[in-house]
């Protein structure tokens, strides 16, 4: 592990390369919101050996309501030089991720992922991963949303059709400007296209080593939201905004590589689906664990609305080659490109926890030498439920109860993390359980 002085030297070298005099340094919380401080280079480097940040981040919810008792105080953090990248909204600036090193380290999402990456490395595996996000752009500002109480949302590109060349041409300046901004922040896109529904876009990020892929995904959402707000628009990553909008996902692609040679260990051209025995055990681990670990890919009440009838989201824990209705879609166009795609997460997924679940479950399947007994589903659509496949939890409360009670989840991710994250999810469910929507009032006020 890099020593403190070595870390400061690595940071200085990275800032020299970027010609950065300002650094935005912070931590991603459980909602994947970046909580930062803006520091000048000299002050950052001077404090690199004894940096601290408020320990409240794991103790509040997405609305910043306190969930856990204090004391609330400064806690030591470690800067991650490998996370440094250009900050696209300010000249001569960079952004860098930090991680708690004190009592909160065991439960924070980025650390949960890091432990699974280290577990893979011990077994001789390197990980390549990539995220794909659907998101919806609204013709709303922060002020207009509040004036309207977040109702009757104004659409951006209301005439859009899925993969429409007409929409892409009409909004080409928006798309190309966003692409350029992301590229300036070292976020490399494989594609950026329009998708199904008004204002719906899809961005596929290029594959990277696991932690870099997760950091890219987290900053992609942050920078896309800021880009839109600067143009009097709002980018939404809510899994389901409501009637008239599609459910949107945050899919995760992953392959295991030989750490020494880089060879894709998931590929086997002799297999009818192009999958090696290792890939099949990895896939079997996902199918076995994901129903218990589901809050790690669905930590909000809204995430479960996307899984209802009429959505293209998977309805069961299933798999199939190339099938978009499967929970895990396998793809093996070439040996180098062979990968598994987890299609269960909504677009609001905590990217660190989502990737940690996929990786941790798959490694567990390999370690336990699980066989892939489930047959691939043969069909699938927005209103089809594949038979004989494990059903997903119906809502956040059911998912959290399974999560909290799962011995396998605790074994893989640790008791402390499971207990803390379950507490966060239970509080999220409680916060919305007593909320009555206008539609509910309209339906029941005069009934009976």
Protein backbone atom coordinates (compact mmCIF):
# COMPACT_ATOMS: atom_id res chain seq x y z
CA UNK A 1 0.00 0.00 0.00
CA UNK A 2 1.30 3.47 -0.87
CA UNK A 3 2.62 5.35 2.16
CA UNK A 4 1.39 8.80 3.09
CA UNK A 5 4.38 10.59 1.54
CA UNK A 6 4.11 8.35 -1.50
CA UNK A 7 0.44 9.27 -1.83
CA UNK A 8 1.22 12.99 -1.71
CA UNK A 9 3.91 12.53 -4.36
CA UNK A 10 1.53 10.55 -6.59
CA UNK A 11 -1.12 13.26 -6.22
CA UNK A 12 1.38 16.00 -7.08
CA UNK A 13 2.51 14.08 -10.15
CA UNK A 14 -1.07 13.63 -11.35
CA UNK A 15 -1.88 17.31 -10.78
CA UNK A 16 1.27 18.30 -12.67
CA UNK A 17 0.13 16.20 -15.62
CA UNK A 18 -3.26 17.96 -15.63
CA UNK A 19 -1.78 21.38 -14.84
CA UNK A 20 -4.35 21.57 -12.03
CA UNK A 21 -4.21 24.23 -9.34
CA UNK A 22 -7.66 23.48 -7.86
CA UNK A 23 -8.85 20.09 -6.60
CA UNK A 24 -12.43 19.07 -5.83
CA UNK A 25 -11.96 16.21 -3.36
CA UNK A 26 -14.77 14.26 -1.74
CA UNK A 27 -16.51 10.99 -0.97
CA UNK A 28 -19.48 9.25 -2.60
CA UNK A 29 -22.25 8.51 -0.10
CA UNK A 30 -24.88 5.76 -0.15
CA UNK A 31 -26.97 7.69 -2.70
CA UNK A 32 -23.81 8.05 -4.84
CA UNK A 33 -23.83 11.79 -4.24
CA UNK A 34 -20.35 13.32 -4.25
CA UNK A 35 -19.77 15.29 -1.06
CA UNK A 36 -16.77 17.52 -1.73
CA UNK A 37 -14.52 20.33 -0.66
CA UNK A 38 -12.76 22.64 -3.12
CA UNK A 39 -9.11 23.10 -2.21
CA UNK A 40 -6.14 24.83 -3.73
CA UNK A 41 -3.31 22.51 -4.72
CA UNK A 42 -0.91 23.72 -2.01
CA UNK A 43 -3.44 23.29 0.79
CA UNK A 44 -4.48 19.86 -0.47
CA UNK A 45 -0.91 18.56 -0.61
CA UNK A 46 -0.01 20.08 2.76
CA UNK A 47 -2.88 18.20 4.40
CA UNK A 48 -2.65 14.97 2.43
CA UNK A 49 -1.08 13.04 5.31
CA UNK A 50 -3.77 13.94 7.85
CA UNK A 51 -6.91 14.61 5.80
CA UNK A 52 -10.33 14.36 7.46
CA UNK A 53 -14.00 14.61 6.49
CA UNK A 54 -17.22 14.75 8.51
CA UNK A 55 -18.35 11.24 9.48
CA UNK A 56 -22.04 11.98 8.90
CA UNK A 57 -22.23 10.63 5.34
CA UNK A 58 -23.17 7.03 6.24
CA UNK A 59 -25.51 8.27 8.96
CA UNK A 60 -28.08 10.15 6.87
CA UNK A 61 -30.50 9.27 4.10
CA UNK A 62 -31.02 10.66 0.59
CA UNK A 63 -32.97 13.60 2.08
CA UNK A 64 -30.16 14.28 4.60
CA UNK A 65 -32.25 13.17 7.57
CA UNK A 66 -30.12 11.74 10.37
CA UNK A 67 -30.57 7.97 10.84
CA UNK A 68 -27.86 6.95 13.29
CA UNK A 69 -26.59 8.33 16.60
CA UNK A 70 -23.44 10.42 16.90
CA UNK A 71 -20.95 11.57 17.76
CA UNK A 72 -20.65 13.54 14.54
CA UNK A 73 -17.04 14.49 14.09
CA UNK A 74 -14.12 14.55 11.70
CA UNK A 75 -12.83 11.17 10.58
CA UNK A 76 -9.60 10.38 8.79
CA UNK A 77 -9.74 9.79 5.05
CA UNK A 78 -7.25 8.59 2.45
CA UNK A 79 -6.97 10.26 -0.93
CA UNK A 80 -6.95 7.95 -3.95
CA UNK A 81 -4.42 9.28 -6.50
CA UNK A 82 -5.65 6.76 -9.10
CA UNK A 83 -9.06 8.47 -9.08
CA UNK A 84 -7.77 11.89 -10.16
CA UNK A 85 -9.26 13.21 -13.39
CA UNK A 86 -9.91 16.62 -15.00
CA UNK A 87 -12.81 18.60 -13.53
CA UNK A 88 -14.80 19.66 -16.60
CA UNK A 89 -16.53 22.74 -15.19
CA UNK A 90 -13.50 24.78 -14.13
CA UNK A 91 -10.20 25.61 -15.80
CA UNK A 92 -7.00 24.19 -14.28
CA UNK A 93 -9.00 21.97 -11.93
CA UNK A 94 -9.14 18.28 -11.05
CA UNK A 95 -11.42 16.02 -9.04
CA UNK A 96 -10.35 13.21 -6.70
CA UNK A 97 -12.11 10.60 -4.57
CA UNK A 98 -11.31 9.97 -0.91
CA UNK A 99 -12.28 7.09 1.37
CA UNK A 100 -12.78 6.94 5.12
CA UNK A 101 -10.02 5.09 6.97
CA UNK A 102 -11.60 5.16 10.44
CA UNK A 103 -14.72 3.43 11.84
CA UNK A 104 -16.84 4.16 8.73
CA UNK A 105 -14.45 2.45 6.30
CA UNK A 106 -16.00 -1.00 6.73
CA UNK A 107 -19.49 0.08 5.65
CA UNK A 108 -18.91 2.60 2.84
CA UNK A 109 -19.91 1.45 -0.67
CA UNK A 110 -16.58 2.15 -2.39
CA UNK A 111 -14.75 0.14 0.26
CA UNK A 112 -17.26 -2.70 -0.09
CA UNK A 113 -16.37 -2.88 -3.79
CA UNK A 114 -12.64 -2.61 -3.08
CA UNK A 115 -12.77 -5.68 -0.87
CA UNK A 116 -14.34 -7.72 -3.68
CA UNK A 117 -11.72 -6.47 -6.14
CA UNK A 118 -9.00 -7.57 -3.71
CA UNK A 119 -10.72 -10.93 -3.33
CA UNK A 120 -10.62 -11.39 -7.10
CA UNK A 121 -6.96 -10.33 -7.25
CA UNK A 122 -6.03 -12.91 -4.62
CA UNK A 123 -7.51 -15.58 -6.91
CA UNK A 124 -5.50 -14.27 -9.87
CA UNK A 125 -8.34 -12.41 -11.59
CA UNK A 126 -8.49 -8.92 -13.02
CA UNK A 127 -11.90 -7.40 -13.71
CA UNK A 128 -13.10 -5.45 -16.71
CA UNK A 129 -16.45 -3.73 -16.19
CA UNK A 130 -18.68 -1.14 -17.82
CA UNK A 131 -21.97 0.58 -17.04
CA UNK A 132 -24.82 1.50 -19.35
CA UNK A 133 -27.33 4.13 -18.25
CA UNK A 134 -30.69 5.21 -19.56
CA UNK A 135 -31.65 8.68 -18.39
CA UNK A 136 -34.47 11.11 -19.05
CA UNK A 137 -33.98 14.80 -19.74
CA UNK A 138 -36.78 17.12 -18.59
CA UNK A 139 -37.49 20.65 -19.72
CA UNK A 140 -37.40 21.78 -16.09
CA UNK A 141 -35.11 23.78 -13.82
CA UNK A 142 -34.56 23.34 -10.09
CA UNK A 143 -36.90 26.30 -9.55
CA UNK A 144 -39.65 25.17 -11.91
CA UNK A 145 -39.74 21.71 -10.36
CA UNK A 146 -40.32 23.21 -6.93
CA UNK A 147 -42.86 25.73 -8.18
CA UNK A 148 -44.83 22.81 -9.66
CA UNK A 149 -44.25 20.60 -6.59
CA UNK A 150 -42.54 18.07 -8.90
CA UNK A 151 -45.80 17.40 -10.80
CA UNK A 152 -46.81 17.71 -14.46
CA UNK A 153 -43.22 17.43 -15.64
CA UNK A 154 -42.41 19.18 -18.91
CA UNK A 155 -40.85 16.86 -21.45
CA UNK A 156 -37.66 17.43 -23.43
CA UNK A 157 -37.74 15.94 -26.93
CA UNK A 158 -41.43 15.00 -26.53
CA UNK A 159 -41.54 13.67 -30.11
CA UNK A 160 -38.74 11.17 -29.54
CA UNK A 161 -38.98 7.62 -30.84
CA UNK A 162 -36.65 4.81 -29.82
CA UNK A 163 -33.31 5.08 -31.68
CA UNK A 164 -34.79 7.83 -33.83
CA UNK A 165 -32.38 9.37 -36.31
CA UNK A 166 -34.71 12.37 -36.52
CA UNK A 167 -34.44 13.02 -32.77
CA UNK A 168 -30.68 12.48 -32.86
CA UNK A 169 -30.35 15.04 -35.65
CA UNK A 170 -32.67 17.56 -34.00
CA UNK A 171 -30.81 17.44 -30.69
CA UNK A 172 -27.33 16.83 -32.11
CA UNK A 173 -25.81 19.92 -30.41
CA UNK A 174 -27.03 18.71 -27.01
CA UNK A 175 -25.67 15.20 -27.58
CA UNK A 176 -22.31 16.27 -29.01
CA UNK A 177 -21.75 18.89 -26.31
CA UNK A 178 -22.47 16.35 -23.56
CA UNK A 179 -20.16 13.83 -25.21
CA UNK A 180 -17.40 16.44 -25.42
CA UNK A 181 -17.82 17.44 -21.78
CA UNK A 182 -17.61 13.83 -20.61
CA UNK A 183 -14.57 13.19 -22.78
CA UNK A 184 -12.86 16.21 -21.20
CA UNK A 185 -13.36 14.47 -17.83
CA UNK A 186 -11.75 11.23 -19.09
CA UNK A 187 -15.12 9.47 -19.30
CA UNK A 188 -15.00 7.48 -22.51
CA UNK A 189 -18.36 6.60 -24.07
CA UNK A 190 -18.90 3.67 -26.40
CA UNK A 191 -22.18 5.25 -27.52
CA UNK A 192 -24.67 8.00 -26.68
CA UNK A 193 -28.06 7.62 -28.35
CA UNK A 194 -31.76 8.32 -27.92
CA UNK A 195 -33.86 5.55 -26.39
CA UNK A 196 -37.50 4.68 -25.70
CA UNK A 197 -39.69 7.53 -24.44
CA UNK A 198 -39.76 11.34 -24.31
CA UNK A 199 -36.36 12.81 -23.55
CA UNK A 200 -34.83 9.38 -23.02
CA UNK A 201 -31.15 8.83 -23.80
CA UNK A 202 -28.83 5.90 -23.33
CA UNK A 203 -25.10 6.14 -22.64
CA UNK A 204 -22.83 3.11 -22.78
CA UNK A 205 -19.52 3.65 -21.04
CA UNK A 206 -16.40 1.91 -22.30
CA UNK A 207 -15.06 -0.99 -20.24
CA UNK A 208 -12.37 -0.27 -17.65
CA UNK A 209 -10.79 -1.97 -14.62
CA UNK A 210 -13.46 -2.41 -11.96
CA UNK A 211 -12.87 0.58 -9.66
CA UNK A 212 -12.22 2.92 -12.56
CA UNK A 213 -15.45 1.71 -14.21
CA UNK A 214 -17.43 2.47 -11.05
CA UNK A 215 -15.81 5.90 -10.64
CA UNK A 216 -16.53 6.67 -14.30
CA UNK A 217 -20.17 5.71 -13.76
CA UNK A 218 -20.55 7.81 -10.61
CA UNK A 219 -18.99 10.88 -12.22
CA UNK A 220 -20.96 10.30 -15.43
CA UNK A 221 -24.23 10.80 -13.58
CA UNK A 222 -22.94 13.77 -11.60
CA UNK A 223 -21.51 15.55 -14.63
CA UNK A 224 -24.55 14.79 -16.82
CA UNK A 225 -26.86 16.28 -14.19
CA UNK A 226 -24.71 19.40 -13.91
CA UNK A 227 -24.44 19.74 -17.70
CA UNK A 228 -28.23 19.68 -18.00
CA UNK A 229 -28.81 22.09 -15.11
CA UNK A 230 -26.45 24.60 -16.73
CA UNK A 231 -28.78 24.50 -19.75
CA UNK A 232 -32.00 24.95 -17.73
CA UNK A 233 -32.78 21.26 -18.04
CA UNK A 234 -32.92 18.38 -15.56
CA UNK A 235 -31.43 14.91 -16.07
CA UNK A 236 -33.32 12.20 -14.20
CA UNK A 237 -31.95 8.79 -13.26
CA UNK A 238 -35.08 7.77 -11.33
CA UNK A 239 -36.03 4.23 -12.42
CA UNK A 240 -39.64 5.29 -13.07
CA UNK A 241 -40.72 8.93 -13.25
CA UNK A 242 -44.40 8.12 -13.67
CA UNK A 243 -47.11 7.70 -16.30
CA UNK A 244 -45.90 8.44 -19.80
CA UNK A 245 -42.26 7.72 -19.00
CA UNK A 246 -40.37 4.45 -19.48
CA UNK A 247 -38.61 2.51 -16.76
CA UNK A 248 -34.88 3.14 -17.05
CA UNK A 249 -32.00 0.88 -16.11
CA UNK A 250 -28.35 1.03 -15.11
CA UNK A 251 -26.92 -2.18 -16.52
CA UNK A 252 -23.53 -3.59 -15.48
CA UNK A 253 -21.24 -5.57 -17.80
CA UNK A 254 -18.36 -7.64 -16.42
CA UNK A 255 -15.72 -10.13 -17.47
CA UNK A 256 -12.91 -11.81 -15.55
CA UNK A 257 -9.41 -11.73 -17.01
CA UNK A 258 -6.25 -13.62 -16.21
CA UNK A 259 -4.32 -11.04 -14.19
CA UNK A 260 -1.02 -12.06 -15.81
CA UNK A 261 -1.98 -12.52 -19.45
CA UNK A 262 -5.18 -10.47 -19.78
CA UNK A 263 -6.98 -13.41 -21.39
CA UNK A 264 -10.77 -13.34 -21.08
CA UNK A 265 -11.59 -16.23 -18.75
CA UNK A 266 -15.30 -16.16 -19.57
CA UNK A 267 -14.78 -17.19 -23.20
CA UNK A 268 -14.96 -20.71 -24.64
CA UNK A 269 -15.61 -20.88 -28.37
CA UNK A 270 -16.35 -24.62 -28.10
CA UNK A 271 -19.43 -23.96 -25.94
CA UNK A 272 -22.75 -23.40 -27.72
CA UNK A 273 -23.18 -20.06 -25.91
CA UNK A 274 -19.49 -19.18 -25.91
CA UNK A 275 -19.19 -19.45 -22.11
CA UNK A 276 -16.41 -21.17 -20.19
CA UNK A 277 -17.09 -23.38 -17.14
CA UNK A 278 -15.72 -20.52 -15.01
CA UNK A 279 -18.26 -18.10 -16.52
CA UNK A 280 -21.07 -20.57 -15.85
CA UNK A 281 -20.10 -20.91 -12.18
CA UNK A 282 -19.89 -17.12 -11.94
CA UNK A 283 -23.35 -16.84 -13.51
CA UNK A 284 -24.72 -19.52 -11.17
CA UNK A 285 -23.42 -17.51 -8.22
CA UNK A 286 -25.29 -14.43 -9.42
CA UNK A 287 -28.54 -16.35 -9.82
CA UNK A 288 -28.10 -17.90 -6.37
CA UNK A 289 -27.27 -14.73 -4.39
CA UNK A 290 -28.96 -11.80 -6.13
CA UNK A 291 -32.45 -12.44 -4.69
CA UNK A 292 -30.99 -12.08 -1.17
CA UNK A 293 -28.64 -9.23 -2.06
CA UNK A 294 -31.17 -7.27 -4.10
CA UNK A 295 -31.04 -3.98 -2.13
CA UNK A 296 -27.48 -3.57 -3.43
CA UNK A 297 -28.98 -3.02 -6.90
CA UNK A 298 -32.31 -1.56 -5.72
CA UNK A 299 -31.96 0.66 -2.65
CA UNK A 300 -34.91 3.02 -3.26
CA UNK A 301 -38.68 2.58 -3.19
CA UNK A 302 -38.83 3.80 -6.77
CA UNK A 303 -36.46 1.09 -8.03
CA UNK A 304 -39.20 -1.53 -7.57
CA UNK A 305 -41.78 0.41 -9.60
CA UNK A 306 -39.61 -0.18 -12.68
CA UNK A 307 -40.02 -3.93 -12.23
CA UNK A 308 -43.81 -3.89 -12.64
CA UNK A 309 -45.94 -4.92 -15.63
CA UNK A 310 -45.43 -2.99 -18.84
CA UNK A 311 -41.72 -2.43 -18.29
CA UNK A 312 -38.90 -4.04 -20.23
CA UNK A 313 -37.08 -4.64 -16.93
CA UNK A 314 -36.54 -8.30 -15.94
CA UNK A 315 -39.23 -9.82 -13.74
CA UNK A 316 -37.23 -12.82 -12.48
CA UNK A 317 -33.66 -13.91 -11.80
CA UNK A 318 -33.02 -15.49 -15.18
CA UNK A 319 -30.38 -15.66 -17.89
CA UNK A 320 -30.17 -16.07 -21.64
CA UNK A 321 -27.74 -15.37 -24.46
CA UNK A 322 -28.45 -11.96 -26.02
CA UNK A 323 -31.99 -11.80 -24.57
CA UNK A 324 -32.86 -8.31 -23.31
CA UNK A 325 -35.62 -9.67 -21.05
CA UNK A 326 -33.19 -11.75 -18.97
CA UNK A 327 -31.81 -10.61 -15.63
CA UNK A 328 -28.37 -11.65 -16.86
CA UNK A 329 -27.75 -11.34 -20.57
CA UNK A 330 -24.73 -13.21 -21.86
CA UNK A 331 -22.89 -12.00 -24.94
CA UNK A 332 -20.02 -13.68 -26.78
CA UNK A 333 -19.63 -11.96 -30.15
CA UNK A 334 -15.90 -12.74 -29.92
CA UNK A 335 -13.71 -14.34 -27.25
CA UNK A 336 -12.33 -10.93 -26.29
CA UNK A 337 -15.82 -9.40 -25.97
CA UNK A 338 -17.40 -12.24 -23.96
CA UNK A 339 -19.17 -10.80 -20.93
CA UNK A 340 -22.13 -11.01 -18.56
CA UNK A 341 -24.59 -8.12 -18.37
CA UNK A 342 -26.64 -7.66 -15.19
CA UNK A 343 -29.86 -5.93 -16.27
CA UNK A 344 -31.64 -5.77 -12.91
CA UNK A 345 -30.36 -2.42 -11.54
CA UNK A 346 -32.32 0.75 -12.06
CA UNK A 347 -30.52 3.81 -13.35
CA UNK A 348 -30.21 5.14 -9.79
CA UNK A 349 -28.14 2.14 -8.65
CA UNK A 350 -25.28 2.82 -6.26
CA UNK A 351 -22.61 1.87 -8.78
CA UNK A 352 -20.15 0.64 -6.16
CA UNK A 353 -22.67 -1.64 -4.46
CA UNK A 354 -24.17 -2.88 -7.73
CA UNK A 355 -20.79 -3.92 -9.09
CA UNK A 356 -19.79 -5.34 -5.69
CA UNK A 357 -22.90 -7.55 -5.65
CA UNK A 358 -22.32 -8.84 -9.17
CA UNK A 359 -18.64 -9.51 -8.54
CA UNK A 360 -19.04 -10.90 -5.03
CA UNK A 361 -21.87 -13.23 -6.04
CA UNK A 362 -19.98 -14.46 -9.08
CA UNK A 363 -16.78 -15.13 -7.15
CA UNK A 364 -18.84 -17.03 -4.59
CA UNK A 365 -20.19 -19.20 -7.39
CA UNK A 366 -16.65 -19.96 -8.54
CA UNK A 367 -15.38 -20.69 -5.02
CA UNK A 368 -18.31 -23.02 -4.33
CA UNK A 369 -17.97 -24.62 -7.79
CA UNK A 370 -21.65 -24.05 -8.52
CA UNK A 371 -23.13 -25.60 -11.65
CA UNK A 372 -25.40 -23.60 -13.93
CA UNK A 373 -28.59 -25.62 -13.58
CA UNK A 374 -31.07 -22.98 -14.74
CA UNK A 375 -32.01 -23.17 -18.40
CA UNK A 376 -31.90 -19.94 -20.42
CA UNK A 377 -35.25 -18.28 -20.91
CA UNK A 378 -36.56 -18.57 -24.45
CA UNK A 379 -38.84 -15.53 -24.66
CA UNK A 380 -39.58 -12.37 -22.75
CA UNK A 381 -41.26 -9.00 -23.13
CA UNK A 382 -42.71 -6.15 -21.10
CA UNK A 383 -45.63 -8.25 -19.85
CA UNK A 384 -44.08 -11.72 -19.80
CA UNK A 385 -42.86 -13.50 -16.67
CA UNK A 386 -40.54 -16.42 -17.50
CA UNK A 387 -41.77 -19.58 -15.72
CA UNK A 388 -39.73 -21.53 -13.18
CA UNK A 389 -37.31 -18.70 -12.43
CA UNK A 390 -36.81 -17.15 -8.96
CA UNK A 391 -39.03 -14.10 -8.49
CA UNK A 392 -37.60 -10.77 -7.42
CA UNK A 393 -38.62 -9.06 -4.15
CA UNK A 394 -41.86 -7.13 -4.61
CA UNK A 395 -40.71 -3.99 -2.81
CA UNK A 396 -37.87 -2.47 -0.82
CA UNK A 397 -39.17 -3.73 2.53
CA UNK A 398 -39.36 -7.35 1.38
CA UNK A 399 -35.94 -7.06 -0.23
CA UNK A 400 -34.40 -5.57 2.91
CA UNK A 401 -35.82 -8.27 5.17
CA UNK A 402 -34.29 -10.95 2.95
CA UNK A 403 -31.02 -9.02 2.82
CA UNK A 404 -30.78 -8.59 6.59
CA UNK A 405 -31.52 -12.26 7.22
CA UNK A 406 -29.20 -13.75 4.60
CA UNK A 407 -26.24 -15.69 5.98
CA UNK A 408 -24.67 -15.76 2.52
CA UNK A 409 -24.82 -11.98 2.11
CA UNK A 410 -23.25 -11.50 5.55
CA UNK A 411 -20.53 -14.04 4.75
CA UNK A 412 -19.54 -12.26 1.55
CA UNK A 413 -20.00 -8.59 2.44
CA UNK A 414 -19.67 -8.56 6.23
CA UNK A 415 -22.08 -8.25 9.14
CA UNK A 416 -21.34 -4.56 9.77
CA UNK A 417 -22.13 -3.51 6.22
CA UNK A 418 -25.28 -5.64 6.01
CA UNK A 419 -26.67 -4.30 9.28
CA UNK A 420 -25.93 -0.68 8.39
CA UNK A 421 -27.20 -0.82 4.82
CA UNK A 422 -30.36 -2.64 5.93
CA UNK A 423 -30.99 0.18 8.40
CA UNK A 424 -30.66 2.74 5.59
CA UNK A 425 -33.06 0.82 3.34
CA UNK A 426 -35.61 0.34 6.13
CA UNK A 427 -35.53 4.07 6.84
CA UNK A 428 -36.04 4.80 3.14
CA UNK A 429 -39.08 2.53 3.06
CA UNK A 430 -40.51 4.08 6.24
CA UNK A 431 -40.06 7.62 4.88
CA UNK A 432 -42.39 6.92 1.95
CA UNK A 433 -44.81 4.40 3.45
CA UNK A 434 -47.02 7.13 4.97
CA UNK A 435 -46.95 9.36 1.88
CA UNK A 436 -50.31 9.48 0.07
CA UNK A 437 -50.19 10.38 -3.62
CA UNK A 438 -52.83 12.48 -5.42
CA UNK A 439 -53.71 9.40 -7.49
CA UNK A 440 -54.40 7.41 -4.33
CA UNK A 441 -56.66 10.17 -2.98
CA UNK A 442 -58.53 10.35 -6.29
CA UNK A 443 -59.02 6.58 -6.31
CA UNK A 444 -60.23 6.09 -2.74
CA UNK A 445 -61.63 9.39 -1.42
CA UNK A 446 -65.15 8.81 -2.72
CA UNK A 447 -65.04 5.01 -2.96
CA UNK A 448 -67.15 2.71 -0.81
